[in-house]
Amino acid sequence: MRGMVKPVVLVVEDEPLLRLFASDMIEEAGFEVLQASDASDALVTLQDRLDIRVVFTDVNMPGGIDGIMLAIRIRERWPAIQIIITSGRPWPEAAVVPQDIVFFQKPYRRDRVLDTVRRMAA
């Protein structure tokens, strides 16, 4: 992609190996990947980088903000950013999140995640 600007994806995951796996998977598909280990780091990155198109976040993270709350804050402050949430648990039915958020239960299928990231970043 010489000379082309790659779409930017922010991966938010507290487990280092899972964060590395997701980042490598998305980067190998042709995206620029930024990483954050928790929601607080993600919010700082989002303030610093105005070119982020997609956030790929886990639900359960340390600190006071989980992935669902992060998604709500992103939608309030940066409505154009697309959001993918992932978790080892089923989607919480009672979760109050914007309707356009995509959820993948772990273990997720690489092809489905990448198809979704490509569609969202277009």
Protein backbone atom coordinates (compact mmCIF):
# COMPACT_ATOMS: atom_id res chain seq x y z
CA MET A 1 0.00 0.00 0.00
CA ARG A 2 2.85 2.33 -0.80
CA GLY A 3 1.67 5.92 -0.96
CA MET A 4 -1.80 5.03 0.26
CA VAL A 5 -3.12 5.93 3.66
CA LYS A 6 -4.20 2.81 5.51
CA PRO A 7 -7.45 2.96 7.50
CA VAL A 8 -6.72 3.05 11.23
CA VAL A 9 -8.15 0.51 13.68
CA LEU A 10 -7.76 0.76 17.46
CA VAL A 11 -7.60 -2.61 19.25
CA VAL A 12 -8.54 -2.45 22.95
CA GLU A 13 -7.76 -5.64 24.88
CA ASP A 14 -6.28 -6.15 28.34
CA GLU A 15 -4.88 -9.63 27.63
CA PRO A 16 -1.51 -9.07 25.88
CA LEU A 17 -1.61 -12.24 23.75
CA LEU A 18 -5.17 -11.62 22.58
CA ARG A 19 -4.33 -7.97 21.84
CA LEU A 20 -1.31 -9.08 19.79
CA PHE A 21 -3.34 -11.73 17.94
CA ALA A 22 -6.12 -9.27 17.03
CA SER A 23 -3.64 -6.54 16.09
CA ASP A 24 -1.61 -8.85 13.85
CA MET A 25 -4.75 -10.23 12.21
CA ILE A 26 -6.04 -6.74 11.37
CA GLU A 27 -2.65 -5.37 10.36
CA GLU A 28 -2.01 -8.30 8.00
CA ALA A 29 -5.32 -7.40 6.31
CA GLY A 30 -3.86 -4.00 5.36
CA PHE A 31 -4.86 -1.70 8.21
CA GLU A 32 -2.80 0.51 10.48
CA VAL A 33 -3.35 -0.79 14.00
CA LEU A 34 -3.09 1.10 17.27
CA GLN A 35 -3.27 -0.72 20.60
CA ALA A 36 -4.65 0.10 24.03
CA SER A 37 -4.62 -2.14 27.10
CA ASP A 38 -7.75 -0.65 28.67
CA ALA A 39 -10.55 1.83 28.06
CA SER A 40 -8.71 4.77 29.64
CA ASP A 41 -5.75 4.29 27.27
CA ALA A 42 -8.20 3.95 24.39
CA LEU A 43 -9.89 7.26 25.20
CA VAL A 44 -6.50 9.03 25.30
CA THR A 45 -5.59 7.51 21.93
CA LEU A 46 -8.94 8.53 20.46
CA GLN A 47 -8.35 12.13 21.58
CA ASP A 48 -4.86 12.15 20.06
CA ARG A 49 -5.66 10.39 16.77
CA LEU A 50 -8.52 11.80 14.76
CA ASP A 51 -8.01 9.28 11.94
CA ILE A 52 -9.32 6.18 13.75
CA ARG A 53 -12.18 4.59 11.80
CA VAL A 54 -12.86 1.41 13.78
CA VAL A 55 -12.49 0.39 17.43
CA PHE A 56 -12.24 -3.34 18.17
CA THR A 57 -12.71 -3.80 21.92
CA ASP A 58 -13.10 -6.52 24.50
CA VAL A 59 -15.93 -6.21 27.03
CA ASN A 60 -14.17 -7.20 30.25
CA MET A 61 -11.22 -4.98 31.12
CA PRO A 62 -9.64 -3.71 34.32
CA GLY A 63 -10.42 -0.24 35.58
CA GLY A 64 -13.73 1.50 35.90
CA ILE A 65 -14.72 1.40 32.24
CA ASP A 66 -15.61 -1.82 30.43
CA GLY A 67 -15.95 -2.27 26.68
CA ILE A 68 -19.67 -1.53 26.67
CA MET A 69 -19.21 1.76 28.52
CA LEU A 70 -16.30 2.56 26.21
CA ALA A 71 -18.57 2.01 23.21
CA ILE A 72 -21.17 4.37 24.66
CA ARG A 73 -18.54 7.08 25.26
CA ILE A 74 -17.13 6.66 21.77
CA ARG A 75 -20.58 6.98 20.21
CA GLU A 76 -21.26 10.16 22.24
CA ARG A 77 -17.93 11.87 21.41
CA TRP A 78 -16.96 10.37 18.05
CA PRO A 79 -20.18 9.24 16.34
CA ALA A 80 -18.46 8.44 13.02
CA ILE A 81 -16.20 5.78 14.54
CA GLN A 82 -17.42 2.22 13.98
CA ILE A 83 -17.31 -0.21 16.92
CA ILE A 84 -16.84 -3.95 17.24
CA ILE A 85 -17.19 -5.54 20.68
CA THR A 86 -15.90 -9.00 21.51
CA SER A 87 -16.22 -11.19 24.59
CA GLY A 88 -15.78 -14.75 25.75
CA ARG A 89 -19.30 -14.53 27.13
CA PRO A 90 -22.58 -14.24 25.20
CA TRP A 91 -23.87 -10.75 24.47
CA PRO A 92 -25.57 -9.35 27.58
CA GLU A 93 -29.21 -8.96 26.59
CA ALA A 94 -29.69 -6.11 29.05
CA ALA A 95 -26.77 -4.12 27.64
CA VAL A 96 -27.83 -0.64 26.61
CA VAL A 97 -25.57 0.16 23.67
CA PRO A 98 -26.03 1.85 20.32
CA GLN A 99 -27.72 -0.51 17.86
CA ASP A 100 -25.05 -0.26 15.17
CA ILE A 101 -22.36 -1.97 17.26
CA VAL A 102 -21.25 -5.39 16.03
CA PHE A 103 -20.60 -8.19 18.54
CA PHE A 104 -18.38 -11.26 18.11
CA GLN A 105 -18.21 -13.96 20.75
CA LYS A 106 -14.76 -15.46 21.34
CA PRO A 107 -13.42 -17.50 19.77
CA TYR A 108 -14.38 -15.49 16.73
CA ARG A 109 -13.86 -16.38 13.09
CA ARG A 110 -11.05 -14.41 11.53
CA ASP A 111 -12.81 -14.06 8.15
CA ARG A 112 -15.99 -12.66 9.69
CA VAL A 113 -14.10 -10.14 11.81
CA LEU A 114 -11.99 -8.97 8.87
CA ASP A 115 -15.00 -8.71 6.55
CA THR A 116 -16.70 -6.53 9.17
CA VAL A 117 -13.61 -4.36 9.72
CA ARG A 118 -13.24 -3.86 5.95
CA ARG A 119 -16.90 -2.89 5.57
CA MET A 120 -16.76 -0.49 8.52
CA ALA A 121 -13.52 1.16 7.43
CA ALA A 122 -14.66 1.74 3.84
